[in-house]
């Protein structure tokens, strides 16, 4: 997909003990560490919920259930010096493997990608203390109100 196209993505706010499951990203161009809930691109012909299930399997090798649509954000941003534009579908869901709720770090041995994918349970307070953004823009405020 071209950076000049709008990219639809689906993310999930797994919420447990006042924490959400996020990955830590890094933008070399901005020298910025950021957080975003896990999920990813919706492929052509795929519903957001289907994409979310697939992305969670790929990223943390887990199955999810009780998926519920929460909200949507439009996100225009710059990453690695390139402009991006996303429509972000935000869902709530439950991890089938409840042991994942007890791990501070979820680091699958082989997620099928070339890069290592780690997911962390972080509270909004921890994210705020670290002075790191939570993307997409507006999500932090939504979580404060919703949860």
Protein backbone atom coordinates (compact mmCIF):
# COMPACT_ATOMS: atom_id res chain seq x y z
CA UNK A 1 0.00 0.00 0.00
CA UNK A 2 1.26 3.46 -0.88
CA UNK A 3 1.81 6.05 1.82
CA UNK A 4 -0.48 8.26 -0.26
CA UNK A 5 -3.47 5.99 0.41
CA UNK A 6 -5.68 5.80 3.46
CA UNK A 7 -4.81 2.67 5.43
CA UNK A 8 -7.60 1.00 7.44
CA UNK A 9 -6.45 -0.69 10.64
CA UNK A 10 -8.10 -2.49 13.55
CA UNK A 11 -6.73 -2.36 17.10
CA UNK A 12 -7.95 -3.86 20.37
CA UNK A 13 -8.06 -2.34 23.83
CA UNK A 14 -7.48 -5.44 25.88
CA UNK A 15 -8.10 -3.99 29.35
CA UNK A 16 -7.09 -5.72 32.57
CA UNK A 17 -6.30 -4.35 36.05
CA UNK A 18 -6.37 -0.77 34.71
CA UNK A 19 -3.81 -1.62 32.00
CA UNK A 20 -4.01 -2.00 28.23
CA UNK A 21 -1.94 -4.23 25.99
CA UNK A 22 0.34 -2.16 23.74
CA UNK A 23 3.44 -2.49 21.61
CA UNK A 24 6.32 -0.07 21.88
CA UNK A 25 7.29 1.57 18.63
CA UNK A 26 10.19 3.80 17.71
CA UNK A 27 10.36 6.54 15.09
CA UNK A 28 14.06 7.06 14.20
CA UNK A 29 13.32 10.29 12.33
CA UNK A 30 11.68 11.90 15.40
CA UNK A 31 13.77 9.93 17.92
CA UNK A 32 10.45 9.10 19.59
CA UNK A 33 9.31 6.03 21.49
CA UNK A 34 5.53 5.59 21.40
CA UNK A 35 2.83 3.08 22.31
CA UNK A 36 -0.11 1.74 20.32
CA UNK A 37 -2.59 -1.04 21.13
CA UNK A 38 -1.95 -4.21 19.17
CA UNK A 39 -3.66 -4.91 15.87
CA UNK A 40 -2.95 -3.93 12.31
CA UNK A 41 -3.98 -3.51 8.70
CA UNK A 42 -7.36 -4.53 7.39
CA UNK A 43 -6.80 -6.29 4.08
CA UNK A 44 -9.07 -5.83 1.06
CA UNK A 45 -12.20 -7.99 1.43
CA UNK A 46 -11.66 -8.47 5.16
CA UNK A 47 -13.86 -7.08 7.94
CA UNK A 48 -12.20 -5.22 10.81
CA UNK A 49 -13.02 -7.99 13.29
CA UNK A 50 -11.46 -10.60 10.99
CA UNK A 51 -8.34 -8.46 10.59
CA UNK A 52 -8.09 -8.04 14.34
CA UNK A 53 -8.23 -11.79 14.95
CA UNK A 54 -5.59 -12.41 12.27
CA UNK A 55 -3.30 -9.65 13.52
CA UNK A 56 -3.47 -10.85 17.14
CA UNK A 57 -2.59 -14.38 15.98
CA UNK A 58 0.36 -13.03 13.97
CA UNK A 59 1.63 -10.63 16.63
CA UNK A 60 1.24 -12.52 19.90
CA UNK A 61 0.07 -15.97 18.76
CA UNK A 62 -3.18 -15.65 20.69
CA UNK A 63 -6.88 -16.10 20.05
CA UNK A 64 -9.50 -13.53 21.07
CA UNK A 65 -13.23 -13.57 21.79
CA UNK A 66 -16.03 -11.26 22.93
CA UNK A 67 -15.03 -8.66 20.35
CA UNK A 68 -17.00 -5.43 20.50
CA UNK A 69 -16.61 -2.31 18.34
CA UNK A 70 -15.94 0.80 20.47
CA UNK A 71 -15.07 3.75 18.27
CA UNK A 72 -13.14 4.98 15.25
CA UNK A 73 -10.36 7.52 14.79
CA UNK A 74 -8.95 9.19 11.73
CA UNK A 75 -5.22 9.51 12.16
CA UNK A 76 -3.00 11.69 9.98
CA UNK A 77 0.62 11.44 11.09
CA UNK A 78 4.27 11.41 10.13
CA UNK A 79 6.33 8.26 10.73
CA UNK A 80 9.95 7.85 9.68
CA UNK A 81 9.64 11.16 7.84
CA UNK A 82 6.71 10.01 5.69
CA UNK A 83 3.11 11.14 5.94
CA UNK A 84 0.54 8.48 6.78
CA UNK A 85 -3.24 8.47 6.95
CA UNK A 86 -5.23 5.79 8.79
CA UNK A 87 -8.81 5.02 9.64
CA UNK A 88 -8.53 3.20 12.97
CA UNK A 89 -11.31 0.87 14.13
CA UNK A 90 -11.01 0.39 17.89
CA UNK A 91 -12.39 -2.78 19.45
CA UNK A 92 -12.63 -4.28 22.90
CA UNK A 93 -11.97 -7.99 23.30
CA UNK A 94 -10.92 -10.80 25.58
CA UNK A 95 -7.86 -13.01 25.28
CA UNK A 96 -8.84 -16.69 25.26
CA UNK A 97 -5.60 -17.66 27.04
CA UNK A 98 -6.16 -15.98 30.40
CA UNK A 99 -2.54 -16.61 31.47
CA UNK A 100 -1.55 -13.76 29.12
CA UNK A 101 -3.22 -11.32 31.51
CA UNK A 102 -0.67 -12.22 34.17
CA UNK A 103 2.44 -11.54 32.07
CA UNK A 104 3.96 -8.05 32.07
CA UNK A 105 5.54 -8.81 28.71
CA UNK A 106 4.15 -11.04 25.97
CA UNK A 107 7.02 -12.02 23.68
CA UNK A 108 6.21 -14.86 21.29
CA UNK A 109 9.22 -16.94 20.24
CA UNK A 110 8.30 -16.85 16.56
CA UNK A 111 5.57 -14.56 15.31
CA UNK A 112 6.25 -15.24 11.64
CA UNK A 113 7.68 -11.75 11.09
CA UNK A 114 11.29 -10.72 10.58
CA UNK A 115 11.17 -8.39 13.58
CA UNK A 116 10.56 -9.33 17.18
CA UNK A 117 7.14 -8.26 18.43
CA UNK A 118 6.70 -7.60 22.13
CA UNK A 119 3.48 -6.53 23.83
CA UNK A 120 3.38 -4.89 27.25
CA UNK A 121 0.64 -4.27 29.79
CA UNK A 122 0.77 -0.54 30.54
CA UNK A 123 -1.51 1.70 32.57
CA UNK A 124 -2.33 5.18 31.32
CA UNK A 125 -0.46 6.48 34.36
CA UNK A 126 2.70 4.57 33.34
CA UNK A 127 2.46 5.91 29.79
CA UNK A 128 1.99 9.43 31.14
CA UNK A 129 4.95 9.07 33.55
CA UNK A 130 7.18 7.85 30.71
CA UNK A 131 6.06 10.91 28.72
CA UNK A 132 5.37 8.74 25.66
CA UNK A 133 2.53 9.27 23.21
CA UNK A 134 -0.23 6.71 22.84
CA UNK A 135 -1.39 6.48 19.24
CA UNK A 136 -3.67 7.12 17.50
CA UNK A 137 -4.11 10.68 18.71
CA UNK A 138 -7.19 10.98 20.91
CA UNK A 139 -7.08 7.38 22.13
CA UNK A 140 -5.64 8.30 25.54
CA UNK A 141 -8.59 10.63 26.27
CA UNK A 142 -11.07 8.07 24.96
CA UNK A 143 -9.70 5.39 27.31
CA UNK A 144 -9.82 7.77 30.28
CA UNK A 145 -13.52 8.39 29.61
CA UNK A 146 -14.53 4.88 28.54
CA UNK A 147 -12.75 2.92 31.26
